[in-house]
C-alpha atoms as a PDB file:
ATOM      1  CA  UNK A   1     113.269  75.961  74.819  1.00  0.00           C
ATOM      2  CA  UNK A   2     113.458  79.240  72.930  1.00  0.00           C
ATOM      3  CA  UNK A   3     116.644  78.171  71.152  1.00  0.00           C
ATOM      4  CA  UNK A   4     114.976  74.925  70.154  1.00  0.00           C
ATOM      5  CA  UNK A   5     112.053  76.811  68.635  1.00  0.00           C
ATOM      6  CA  UNK A   6     114.424  79.163  66.851  1.00  0.00           C
ATOM      7  CA  UNK A   7     116.365  76.224  65.383  1.00  0.00           C
ATOM      8  CA  UNK A   8     113.110  74.615  64.245  1.00  0.00           C
ATOM      9  CA  UNK A   9     112.067  77.860  62.580  1.00  0.00           C
ATOM     10  CA  UNK A  10     115.398  78.195  60.766  1.00  0.00           C
ATOM     11  CA  UNK A  11     115.168  74.572  59.619  1.00  0.00           C
ATOM     12  CA  UNK A  12     111.674  75.230  58.317  1.00  0.00           C
ATOM     13  CA  UNK A  13     112.910  78.236  56.343  1.00  0.00           C
ATOM     14  CA  UNK A  14     115.734  76.168  54.825  1.00  0.00           C
ATOM     15  CA  UNK A  15     113.281  73.440  53.798  1.00  0.00           C
ATOM     16  CA  UNK A  16     110.962  76.054  52.317  1.00  0.00           C
ATOM     17  CA  UNK A  17     113.798  77.587  50.315  1.00  0.00           C
ATOM     18  CA  UNK A  18     114.720  74.107  49.091  1.00  0.00           C
ATOM     19  CA  UNK A  19     111.174  73.424  47.938  1.00  0.00           C
ATOM     20  CA  UNK A  20     111.064  76.840  46.255  1.00  0.00           C
ATOM     21  CA  UNK A  21     114.266  76.096  44.354  1.00  0.00           C
ATOM     22  CA  UNK A  22     112.862  72.741  43.288  1.00  0.00           C
ATOM     23  CA  UNK A  23     109.637  74.352  42.124  1.00  0.00           C
ATOM     24  CA  UNK A  24     111.616  77.019  40.282  1.00  0.00           C
ATOM     25  CA  UNK A  25     113.453  74.342  38.324  1.00  0.00           C
ATOM     26  CA  UNK A  26     110.147  72.840  37.185  1.00  0.00           C
ATOM     27  CA  UNK A  27     108.282  76.104  36.668  1.00  0.00           C
ATOM     28  CA  UNK A  28     105.582  75.959  34.029  1.00  0.00           C
ATOM     29  CA  UNK A  29     105.175  78.633  31.379  1.00  0.00           C
ATOM     30  CA  UNK A  30     101.870  80.424  31.052  1.00  0.00           C
ATOM     31  CA  UNK A  31     100.097  78.700  33.949  1.00  0.00           C
ATOM     32  CA  UNK A  32     100.392  78.232  37.718  1.00  0.00           C
ATOM     33  CA  UNK A  33     103.057  75.844  38.989  1.00  0.00           C
ATOM     34  CA  UNK A  34     102.074  73.576  41.921  1.00  0.00           C
ATOM     35  CA  UNK A  35     103.949  74.371  45.157  1.00  0.00           C
ATOM     36  CA  UNK A  36     105.712  77.304  43.509  1.00  0.00           C
ATOM     37  CA  UNK A  37     106.391  80.469  45.518  1.00  0.00           C
ATOM     38  CA  UNK A  38     106.656  83.640  43.474  1.00  0.00           C
ATOM     39  CA  UNK A  39     105.199  85.342  40.443  1.00  0.00           C
ATOM     40  CA  UNK A  40     104.587  83.481  37.212  1.00  0.00           C
ATOM     41  CA  UNK A  41     107.372  83.342  34.674  1.00  0.00           C
ATOM     42  CA  UNK A  42     107.387  86.479  32.512  1.00  0.00           C
ATOM     43  CA  UNK A  43     106.597  86.264  28.805  1.00  0.00           C
ATOM     44  CA  UNK A  44     106.280  89.979  27.941  1.00  0.00           C
ATOM     45  CA  UNK A  45     108.231  93.203  28.618  1.00  0.00           C
ATOM     46  CA  UNK A  46     105.548  94.543  30.956  1.00  0.00           C
ATOM     47  CA  UNK A  47     105.730  91.455  33.160  1.00  0.00           C
ATOM     48  CA  UNK A  48     109.537  91.682  33.320  1.00  0.00           C
ATOM     49  CA  UNK A  49     109.187  95.254  34.594  1.00  0.00           C
ATOM     50  CA  UNK A  50     106.516  94.229  37.096  1.00  0.00           C
ATOM     51  CA  UNK A  51     108.696  91.400  38.442  1.00  0.00           C
ATOM     52  CA  UNK A  52     111.649  93.772  38.824  1.00  0.00           C
ATOM     53  CA  UNK A  53     109.475  96.272  40.691  1.00  0.00           C
ATOM     54  CA  UNK A  54     108.196  93.545  43.010  1.00  0.00           C
ATOM     55  CA  UNK A  55     111.420  91.612  43.632  1.00  0.00           C
ATOM     56  CA  UNK A  56     114.054  94.362  43.558  1.00  0.00           C
ATOM     57  CA  UNK A  57     112.121  97.318  45.011  1.00  0.00           C
ATOM     58  CA  UNK A  58     109.123  96.269  47.081  1.00  0.00           C
ATOM     59  CA  UNK A  59     110.320  93.034  48.649  1.00  0.00           C
ATOM     60  CA  UNK A  60     113.599  94.435  50.110  1.00  0.00           C
ATOM     61  CA  UNK A  61     111.756  97.438  51.551  1.00  0.00           C
ATOM     62  CA  UNK A  62     108.960  95.299  52.964  1.00  0.00           C
ATOM     63  CA  UNK A  63     111.459  92.845  54.432  1.00  0.00           C
ATOM     64  CA  UNK A  64     113.551  95.604  56.020  1.00  0.00           C
ATOM     65  CA  UNK A  65     110.488  97.251  57.575  1.00  0.00           C
ATOM     66  CA  UNK A  66     109.196  93.918  58.874  1.00  0.00           C
ATOM     67  CA  UNK A  67     112.549  93.057  60.444  1.00  0.00           C
ATOM     68  CA  UNK A  68     112.869  96.535  61.967  1.00  0.00           C
ATOM     69  CA  UNK A  69     109.377  96.413  63.479  1.00  0.00           C
ATOM     70  CA  UNK A  70     110.003  92.888  64.792  1.00  0.00           C
ATOM     71  CA  UNK A  71     113.214  94.049  66.491  1.00  0.00           C
ATOM     72  CA  UNK A  72     111.401  97.008  68.062  1.00  0.00           C
ATOM     73  CA  UNK A  73     108.646  94.738  69.333  1.00  0.00           C
ATOM     74  CA  UNK A  74     111.253  92.399  70.798  1.00  0.00           C
ATOM     75  CA  UNK A  75     113.001  95.265  72.589  1.00  0.00           C
ATOM     76  CA  UNK A  76     109.703  96.540  73.982  1.00  0.00           C
ATOM     77  CA  UNK A  77     108.649  93.108  75.172  1.00  0.00           C
ATOM     78  CA  UNK A  78     111.983  92.431  76.890  1.00  0.00           C
ATOM     79  CA  UNK A  79     112.929  95.834  78.333  1.00  0.00           C
ATOM     80  CA  UNK A  80     109.587  97.459  78.995  1.00  0.00           C
ATOM     81  CA  UNK A  81     107.413  94.734  80.415  1.00  0.00           C
ATOM     82  CA  UNK A  82     105.954  95.167  83.892  1.00  0.00           C
ATOM     83  CA  UNK A  83     108.541  92.948  85.554  1.00  0.00           C
ATOM     84  CA  UNK A  84     111.611  94.588  83.997  1.00  0.00           C
ATOM     85  CA  UNK A  85     110.250  98.127  84.209  1.00  0.00           C
ATOM     86  CA  UNK A  86     107.793  98.417  87.104  1.00  0.00           C
ATOM     87  CA  UNK A  87     107.800 102.231  87.080  1.00  0.00           C
ATOM     88  CA  UNK A  88     106.759 103.520  83.643  1.00  0.00           C
ATOM     89  CA  UNK A  89     108.085 106.774  82.206  1.00  0.00           C
ATOM     90  CA  UNK A  90     105.971 109.899  82.523  1.00  0.00           C
ATOM     91  CA  UNK A  91     106.725 111.594  79.190  1.00  0.00           C
ATOM     92  CA  UNK A  92     104.367 111.167  76.206  1.00  0.00           C
ATOM     93  CA  UNK A  93     106.127 113.023  73.350  1.00  0.00           C
ATOM     94  CA  UNK A  94     109.511 113.000  71.667  1.00  0.00           C
ATOM     95  CA  UNK A  95     109.836 115.604  68.939  1.00  0.00           C
ATOM     96  CA  UNK A  96     112.832 114.057  67.200  1.00  0.00           C
ATOM     97  CA  UNK A  97     111.194 110.627  67.120  1.00  0.00           C
ATOM     98  CA  UNK A  98     107.914 111.984  65.779  1.00  0.00           C
ATOM     99  CA  UNK A  99     109.700 113.890  63.003  1.00  0.00           C
ATOM    100  CA  UNK A 100     111.698 110.790  62.139  1.00  0.00           C
ATOM    101  CA  UNK A 101     108.726 108.430  61.890  1.00  0.00           C
ATOM    102  CA  UNK A 102     106.983 110.959  59.657  1.00  0.00           C
ATOM    103  CA  UNK A 103     109.822 111.842  57.278  1.00  0.00           C
ATOM    104  CA  UNK A 104     111.267 108.349  56.873  1.00  0.00           C
ATOM    105  CA  UNK A 105     107.983 106.800  55.574  1.00  0.00           C
ATOM    106  CA  UNK A 106     107.514 109.790  53.258  1.00  0.00           C
ATOM    107  CA  UNK A 107     111.011 109.244  51.864  1.00  0.00           C
ATOM    108  CA  UNK A 108     110.320 105.545  51.381  1.00  0.00           C
ATOM    109  CA  UNK A 109     107.090 106.280  49.504  1.00  0.00           C
ATOM    110  CA  UNK A 110     108.818 108.853  47.290  1.00  0.00           C
ATOM    111  CA  UNK A 111     111.503 106.304  46.440  1.00  0.00           C
ATOM    112  CA  UNK A 112     108.871 103.679  45.565  1.00  0.00           C
ATOM    113  CA  UNK A 113     106.917 106.179  43.473  1.00  0.00           C
ATOM    114  CA  UNK A 114     109.853 106.671  41.090  1.00  0.00           C
ATOM    115  CA  UNK A 115     109.679 103.044  39.970  1.00  0.00           C
ATOM    116  CA  UNK A 116     105.925 102.800  40.360  1.00  0.00           C
ATOM    117  CA  UNK A 117     105.196 105.705  38.002  1.00  0.00           C
ATOM    118  CA  UNK A 118     107.756 104.393  35.536  1.00  0.00           C
ATOM    119  CA  UNK A 119     105.864 101.090  35.399  1.00  0.00           C
ATOM    120  CA  UNK A 120     102.503 102.842  35.111  1.00  0.00           C
ATOM    121  CA  UNK A 121     103.768 104.937  32.206  1.00  0.00           C
ATOM    122  CA  UNK A 122     105.019 101.761  30.498  1.00  0.00           C
ATOM    123  CA  UNK A 123     101.483 100.374  30.639  1.00  0.00           C
ATOM    124  CA  UNK A 124      99.979 103.653  29.466  1.00  0.00           C
ATOM    125  CA  UNK A 125     102.434 104.553  26.695  1.00  0.00           C
ATOM    126  CA  UNK A 126     101.504 101.853  24.243  1.00  0.00           C
ATOM    127  CA  UNK A 127     103.839 101.326  21.259  1.00  0.00           C
ATOM    128  CA  UNK A 128     102.319 101.402  17.807  1.00  0.00           C
ATOM    129  CA  UNK A 129     100.144  98.272  17.725  1.00  0.00           C
ATOM    130  CA  UNK A 130     100.603  95.605  15.075  1.00  0.00           C
ATOM    131  CA  UNK A 131      97.273  93.975  15.897  1.00  0.00           C
ATOM    132  CA  UNK A 132      94.060  95.050  17.621  1.00  0.00           C
ATOM    133  CA  UNK A 133      91.652  92.661  19.314  1.00  0.00           C
ATOM    134  CA  UNK A 134      88.526  93.274  21.352  1.00  0.00           C
ATOM    135  CA  UNK A 135      87.830  91.172  24.458  1.00  0.00           C
ATOM    136  CA  UNK A 136      84.263  91.260  25.785  1.00  0.00           C
ATOM    137  CA  UNK A 137      83.302  89.697  29.103  1.00  0.00           C
ATOM    138  CA  UNK A 138      79.963  87.919  29.393  1.00  0.00           C
ATOM    139  CA  UNK A 139      78.292  85.951  32.162  1.00  0.00           C
ATOM    140  CA  UNK A 140      80.262  83.703  32.033  1.00  0.00           C
ATOM    141  CA  UNK A 141      82.582  83.462  29.048  1.00  0.00           C
ATOM    142  CA  UNK A 142      84.702  85.669  26.798  1.00  0.00           C
ATOM    143  CA  UNK A 143      84.249  86.867  23.243  1.00  0.00           C
ATOM    144  CA  UNK A 144      87.143  87.903  20.983  1.00  0.00           C
ATOM    145  CA  UNK A 145      86.818  90.086  17.879  1.00  0.00           C
ATOM    146  CA  UNK A 146      89.503  91.003  15.319  1.00  0.00           C
ATOM    147  CA  UNK A 147      88.402  94.307  13.722  1.00  0.00           C
ATOM    148  CA  UNK A 148      91.493  94.629  11.507  1.00  0.00           C
ATOM    149  CA  UNK A 149      90.998  91.161  10.025  1.00  0.00           C
ATOM    150  CA  UNK A 150      87.191  91.566   9.952  1.00  0.00           C
ATOM    151  CA  UNK A 151      86.760  88.401  12.018  1.00  0.00           C
ATOM    152  CA  UNK A 152      83.464  88.330  13.896  1.00  0.00           C
ATOM    153  CA  UNK A 153      83.319  87.508  17.575  1.00  0.00           C
ATOM    154  CA  UNK A 154      84.741  84.142  18.616  1.00  0.00           C
ATOM    155  CA  UNK A 155      83.302  82.859  21.892  1.00  0.00           C
ATOM    156  CA  UNK A 156      85.627  81.167  24.377  1.00  0.00           C
ATOM    157  CA  UNK A 157      84.000  78.835  26.909  1.00  0.00           C
ATOM    158  CA  UNK A 158      85.678  76.767  29.611  1.00  0.00           C
ATOM    159  CA  UNK A 159      86.366  73.131  28.760  1.00  0.00           C
ATOM    160  CA  UNK A 160      84.656  70.473  30.821  1.00  0.00           C
ATOM    161  CA  UNK A 161      86.798  68.453  33.188  1.00  0.00           C
ATOM    162  CA  UNK A 162      86.603  65.400  30.930  1.00  0.00           C
ATOM    163  CA  UNK A 163      87.641  67.357  27.817  1.00  0.00           C
ATOM    164  CA  UNK A 164      90.491  69.133  29.639  1.00  0.00           C
ATOM    165  CA  UNK A 165      91.793  65.828  30.975  1.00  0.00           C
ATOM    166  CA  UNK A 166      91.510  64.246  27.546  1.00  0.00           C
ATOM    167  CA  UNK A 167      93.557  67.041  25.958  1.00  0.00           C
ATOM    168  CA  UNK A 168      96.067  67.167  28.831  1.00  0.00           C
ATOM    169  CA  UNK A 169      95.292  70.770  29.685  1.00  0.00           C
ATOM    170  CA  UNK A 170      94.609  72.459  33.051  1.00  0.00           C
ATOM    171  CA  UNK A 171      90.993  72.207  34.116  1.00  0.00           C
ATOM    172  CA  UNK A 172      89.239  75.530  34.776  1.00  0.00           C
ATOM    173  CA  UNK A 173      91.950  77.324  32.818  1.00  0.00           C
ATOM    174  CA  UNK A 174      91.535  75.712  29.390  1.00  0.00           C
ATOM    175  CA  UNK A 175      88.903  76.937  26.945  1.00  0.00           C
ATOM    176  CA  UNK A 176      87.462  75.647  23.688  1.00  0.00           C
ATOM    177  CA  UNK A 177      88.679  78.636  21.640  1.00  0.00           C
ATOM    178  CA  UNK A 178      91.796  80.748  22.108  1.00  0.00           C
ATOM    179  CA  UNK A 179      92.682  84.357  21.533  1.00  0.00           C
ATOM    180  CA  UNK A 180      95.287  83.739  18.811  1.00  0.00           C
ATOM    181  CA  UNK A 181      98.079  86.306  18.369  1.00  0.00           C
ATOM    182  CA  UNK A 182     101.476  86.340  16.636  1.00  0.00           C
ATOM    183  CA  UNK A 183     104.694  86.241  18.647  1.00  0.00           C
ATOM    184  CA  UNK A 184     106.841  89.367  18.871  1.00  0.00           C
ATOM    185  CA  UNK A 185     104.012  91.719  17.837  1.00  0.00           C
ATOM    186  CA  UNK A 186     102.452  94.527  19.852  1.00  0.00           C
ATOM    187  CA  UNK A 187      98.850  93.508  20.527  1.00  0.00           C
ATOM    188  CA  UNK A 188      96.364  96.188  21.552  1.00  0.00           C
ATOM    189  CA  UNK A 189      93.485  94.762  23.601  1.00  0.00           C
ATOM    190  CA  UNK A 190      90.202  96.665  23.854  1.00  0.00           C
ATOM    191  CA  UNK A 191      88.457  95.400  26.984  1.00  0.00           C
ATOM    192  CA  UNK A 192      84.770  95.830  27.758  1.00  0.00           C
ATOM    193  CA  UNK A 193      81.868  94.020  29.419  1.00  0.00           C
ATOM    194  CA  UNK A 194      78.360  93.282  28.205  1.00  0.00           C
ATOM    195  CA  UNK A 195      76.485  92.783  31.483  1.00  0.00           C
ATOM    196  CA  UNK A 196      78.509  93.253  34.703  1.00  0.00           C
ATOM    197  CA  UNK A 197      82.107  94.180  35.520  1.00  0.00           C
ATOM    198  CA  UNK A 198      84.628  91.486  34.589  1.00  0.00           C
ATOM    199  CA  UNK A 199      88.429  91.639  34.513  1.00  0.00           C
ATOM    200  CA  UNK A 200      90.826  90.580  31.753  1.00  0.00           C
ATOM    201  CA  UNK A 201      93.837  89.146  33.608  1.00  0.00           C
ATOM    202  CA  UNK A 202      96.801  87.271  32.139  1.00  0.00           C
ATOM    203  CA  UNK A 203      99.588  86.789  34.732  1.00  0.00           C
ATOM    204  CA  UNK A 204     102.351  85.760  32.303  1.00  0.00           C
ATOM    205  CA  UNK A 205     101.877  89.020  30.353  1.00  0.00           C
ATOM    206  CA  UNK A 206     101.278  91.234  33.389  1.00  0.00           C
ATOM    207  CA  UNK A 207      97.727  92.122  32.314  1.00  0.00           C
ATOM    208  CA  UNK A 208      94.856  93.034  34.617  1.00  0.00           C
ATOM    209  CA  UNK A 209      92.238  95.358  33.139  1.00  0.00           C
ATOM    210  CA  UNK A 210      88.597  95.860  34.140  1.00  0.00           C
ATOM    211  CA  UNK A 211      85.899  95.022  31.574  1.00  0.00           C
ATOM    212  CA  UNK A 212      83.170  97.561  32.313  1.00  0.00           C
ATOM    213  CA  UNK A 213      79.817  97.662  30.483  1.00  0.00           C
ATOM    214  CA  UNK A 214      79.439 100.801  28.397  1.00  0.00           C
ATOM    215  CA  UNK A 215      83.140 101.605  28.567  1.00  0.00           C
ATOM    216  CA  UNK A 216      86.195 100.441  26.632  1.00  0.00           C
ATOM    217  CA  UNK A 217      89.523 100.139  28.454  1.00  0.00           C
ATOM    218  CA  UNK A 218      92.692  99.336  26.601  1.00  0.00           C
ATOM    219  CA  UNK A 219      95.914  97.559  27.419  1.00  0.00           C
ATOM    220  CA  UNK A 220      98.702  95.918  25.447  1.00  0.00           C
ATOM    221  CA  UNK A 221     101.243  93.150  25.487  1.00  0.00           C
ATOM    222  CA  UNK A 222     104.031  91.765  23.334  1.00  0.00           C
ATOM    223  CA  UNK A 223     104.458  88.019  23.689  1.00  0.00           C
ATOM    224  CA  UNK A 224     108.089  86.906  23.698  1.00  0.00           C
ATOM    225  CA  UNK A 225     107.464  83.173  23.379  1.00  0.00           C
ATOM    226  CA  UNK A 226     105.094  80.904  21.523  1.00  0.00           C
ATOM    227  CA  UNK A 227     102.817  78.608  23.472  1.00  0.00           C
ATOM    228  CA  UNK A 228      99.554  78.550  25.397  1.00  0.00           C
ATOM    229  CA  UNK A 229      98.988  81.063  28.178  1.00  0.00           C
ATOM    230  CA  UNK A 230      96.183  80.953  30.723  1.00  0.00           C
ATOM    231  CA  UNK A 231      94.434  83.552  32.828  1.00  0.00           C
ATOM    232  CA  UNK A 232      91.050  84.128  34.442  1.00  0.00           C
ATOM    233  CA  UNK A 233      88.456  86.769  35.108  1.00  0.00           C
ATOM    234  CA  UNK A 234      89.713  88.566  38.224  1.00  0.00           C
ATOM    235  CA  UNK A 235      86.587  90.483  39.181  1.00  0.00           C
ATOM    236  CA  UNK A 236      83.802  88.852  41.180  1.00  0.00           C
ATOM    237  CA  UNK A 237      81.117  88.791  38.473  1.00  0.00           C
ATOM    238  CA  UNK A 238      78.529  86.250  39.587  1.00  0.00           C
ATOM    239  CA  UNK A 239      77.903  82.632  40.418  1.00  0.00           C
ATOM    240  CA  UNK A 240      80.150  81.264  37.647  1.00  0.00           C
ATOM    241  CA  UNK A 241      82.938  83.780  38.120  1.00  0.00           C
ATOM    242  CA  UNK A 242      85.462  80.961  38.641  1.00  0.00           C
ATOM    243  CA  UNK A 243      84.541  79.326  35.339  1.00  0.00           C
ATOM    244  CA  UNK A 244      85.438  81.921  32.699  1.00  0.00           C
ATOM    245  CA  UNK A 245      89.115  81.382  31.841  1.00  0.00           C
ATOM    246  CA  UNK A 246      91.205  83.423  29.416  1.00  0.00           C
ATOM    247  CA  UNK A 247      93.295  81.439  26.955  1.00  0.00           C
ATOM    248  CA  UNK A 248      95.826  83.115  24.649  1.00  0.00           C
ATOM    249  CA  UNK A 249      97.628  81.095  22.024  1.00  0.00           C
ATOM    250  CA  UNK A 250     100.838  82.677  20.737  1.00  0.00           C
ATOM    251  CA  UNK A 251     101.953  81.409  17.330  1.00  0.00           C
ATOM    252  CA  UNK A 252     104.357  82.416  14.597  1.00  0.00           C
ATOM    253  CA  UNK A 253     103.357  85.044  12.050  1.00  0.00           C
ATOM    254  CA  UNK A 254     102.955  82.391   9.341  1.00  0.00           C
ATOM    255  CA  UNK A 255     100.689  80.305  11.569  1.00  0.00           C
ATOM    256  CA  UNK A 256      98.661  83.380  12.479  1.00  0.00           C
ATOM    257  CA  UNK A 257      98.177  84.320   8.828  1.00  0.00           C
ATOM    258  CA  UNK A 258      97.025  80.786   8.051  1.00  0.00           C
ATOM    259  CA  UNK A 259      94.623  80.887  11.011  1.00  0.00           C
ATOM    260  CA  UNK A 260      93.177  84.208   9.839  1.00  0.00           C
ATOM    261  CA  UNK A 261      92.385  82.650   6.458  1.00  0.00           C
ATOM    262  CA  UNK A 262      90.328  79.958   8.193  1.00  0.00           C
ATOM    263  CA  UNK A 263      88.350  82.527  10.223  1.00  0.00           C
ATOM    264  CA  UNK A 264      87.989  85.468   7.858  1.00  0.00           C
ATOM    265  CA  UNK A 265      84.642  85.742   6.080  1.00  0.00           C
ATOM    266  CA  UNK A 266      84.624  84.491   2.475  1.00  0.00           C
ATOM    267  CA  UNK A 267      85.138  87.124  -0.146  1.00  0.00           C
ATOM    268  CA  UNK A 268      81.915  88.384  -1.655  1.00  0.00           C
ATOM    269  CA  UNK A 269      81.158  86.918  -5.061  1.00  0.00           C
ATOM    270  CA  UNK A 270      81.684  89.289  -7.934  1.00  0.00           C
ATOM    271  CA  UNK A 271      78.392  90.504  -9.424  1.00  0.00           C
ATOM    272  CA  UNK A 272      77.379  88.780 -12.648  1.00  0.00           C
ATOM    273  CA  UNK A 273      78.287  90.812 -15.690  1.00  0.00           C
ATOM    274  CA  UNK A 274      75.572  91.013 -18.339  1.00  0.00           C
ATOM    275  CA  UNK A 275      77.152  90.640 -21.762  1.00  0.00           C
ATOM    276  CA  UNK A 276      76.723  93.719 -23.887  1.00  0.00           C
ATOM    277  CA  UNK A 277      75.598  93.007 -27.463  1.00  0.00           C
ATOM    278  CA  UNK A 278      78.112  94.080 -30.047  1.00  0.00           C
ATOM    279  CA  UNK A 279      76.471  96.550 -32.415  1.00  0.00           C
ATOM    280  CA  UNK A 280      76.011  95.063 -35.860  1.00  0.00           C
ATOM    281  CA  UNK A 281      77.963  96.513 -38.733  1.00  0.00           C
ATOM    282  CA  UNK A 282      75.581  98.785 -40.645  1.00  0.00           C
ATOM    283  CA  UNK A 283      74.599  97.358 -44.024  1.00  0.00           C
ATOM    284  CA  UNK A 284      75.474  99.207 -47.168  1.00  0.00           C
ATOM    285  CA  UNK A 285      72.649 101.474 -48.280  1.00  0.00           C
ATOM    286  CA  UNK A 286      70.431  99.882 -50.893  1.00  0.00           C
ATOM    287  CA  UNK A 287      70.392 101.309 -54.388  1.00  0.00           C
ATOM    288  CA  UNK A 288      67.615 103.853 -54.771  1.00  0.00           C
ATOM    289  CA  UNK A 289      64.549 102.493 -56.477  1.00  0.00           C
ATOM    290  CA  UNK A 290      63.526 104.426 -59.562  1.00  0.00           C
ATOM    291  CA  UNK A 291      60.399 106.371 -58.994  1.00  0.00           C
ATOM    292  CA  UNK A 292      57.442 105.259 -61.034  1.00  0.00           C
ATOM    293  CA  UNK A 293      56.496 107.721 -63.754  1.00  0.00           C
ATOM    294  CA  UNK A 294      53.818 110.078 -62.741  1.00  0.00           C
ATOM    295  CA  UNK A 295      50.531 109.219 -64.377  1.00  0.00           C
ATOM    296  CA  UNK A 296      49.734 111.450 -67.327  1.00  0.00           C
ATOM    297  CA  UNK A 297      46.743 113.616 -67.013  1.00  0.00           C
ATOM    298  CA  UNK A 298      43.929 112.789 -69.448  1.00  0.00           C
ATOM    299  CA  UNK A 299      43.127 115.665 -71.686  1.00  0.00           C
ATOM    300  CA  UNK A 300      39.756 117.013 -70.875  1.00  0.00           C
ATOM    301  CA  UNK A 301      37.347 118.165 -73.555  1.00  0.00           C
ATOM    302  CA  UNK A 302      36.826 121.892 -73.766  1.00  0.00           C
ATOM    303  CA  UNK A 303      33.190 122.075 -72.898  1.00  0.00           C
ATOM    304  CA  UNK A 304      33.409 125.760 -73.111  1.00  0.00           C
ATOM    305  CA  UNK A 305      33.807 125.628 -76.932  1.00  0.00           C
ATOM    306  CA  UNK A 306      32.523 128.380 -78.972  1.00  0.00           C
ATOM    307  CA  UNK A 307      28.812 128.060 -79.859  1.00  0.00           C
ATOM    308  CA  UNK A 308      27.992 126.847 -83.346  1.00  0.00           C
ATOM    309  CA  UNK A 309      26.010 129.295 -85.408  1.00  0.00           C
ATOM    310  CA  UNK A 310      22.474 128.206 -85.972  1.00  0.00           C
ATOM    311  CA  UNK A 311      20.956 128.807 -89.392  1.00  0.00           C
END
């Protein structure tokens, strides 16, 4: 009976591996793949590092510990049950064993920390950004601002089921407006919230950053491929928490420049210039007019004449 169960379990594992390989062959980019087991396909350097840390470091250690503990449990169940061991041992301590089960986990954690801190530093040590965007979480949608391009906030709201089906896009992941970025450029994302705590999460880029009101967190990514990438708010933020998707559209630099022209505010009209009157050429001075002759004074009679002698 036990062998039959073991064979059934092994067969189930083989079938599961087969389905996983089939799902891997049809894995979708930038969105969840139905029946797929594993992390989403990477589209940025940070996600490649995160996948390596998970698959090459954590999973082997976790698997080894799980197998070791399962073997120990099996030994205990078989050799130390009441029927096989009716008289239990009297000792309660084993110094060598206690030292071993303390030092070995410490060594495992130190080994994991080497790769863990390396990944954390990669997230923290942002390269020089080529583009800065601000993502603000609202109840329950996102707003995107481009300070470098002076583009005011663009709101991004989830598409209805009918609209998503009409456009052939995943329902509850598709939005009416995208966060548009150029491919191959370092994008700095300033993340904040306007009301409650949200979370800016994009699995294909390895992003997961809290959007906290009154505080600005920052993260970065560098998209390696063009296309549409989907994420969601990953912090329980209210009744419509499941309905505020994140949609990033990665385009070429030429397409991004053309998109910026359609969103940038129109250039301010130049102020009207008042024409300045050209000063007239001064006229030649007129010939001087001859002064009229001064009127001659009329000779006055000398009333003070000498008196005439009277005879």
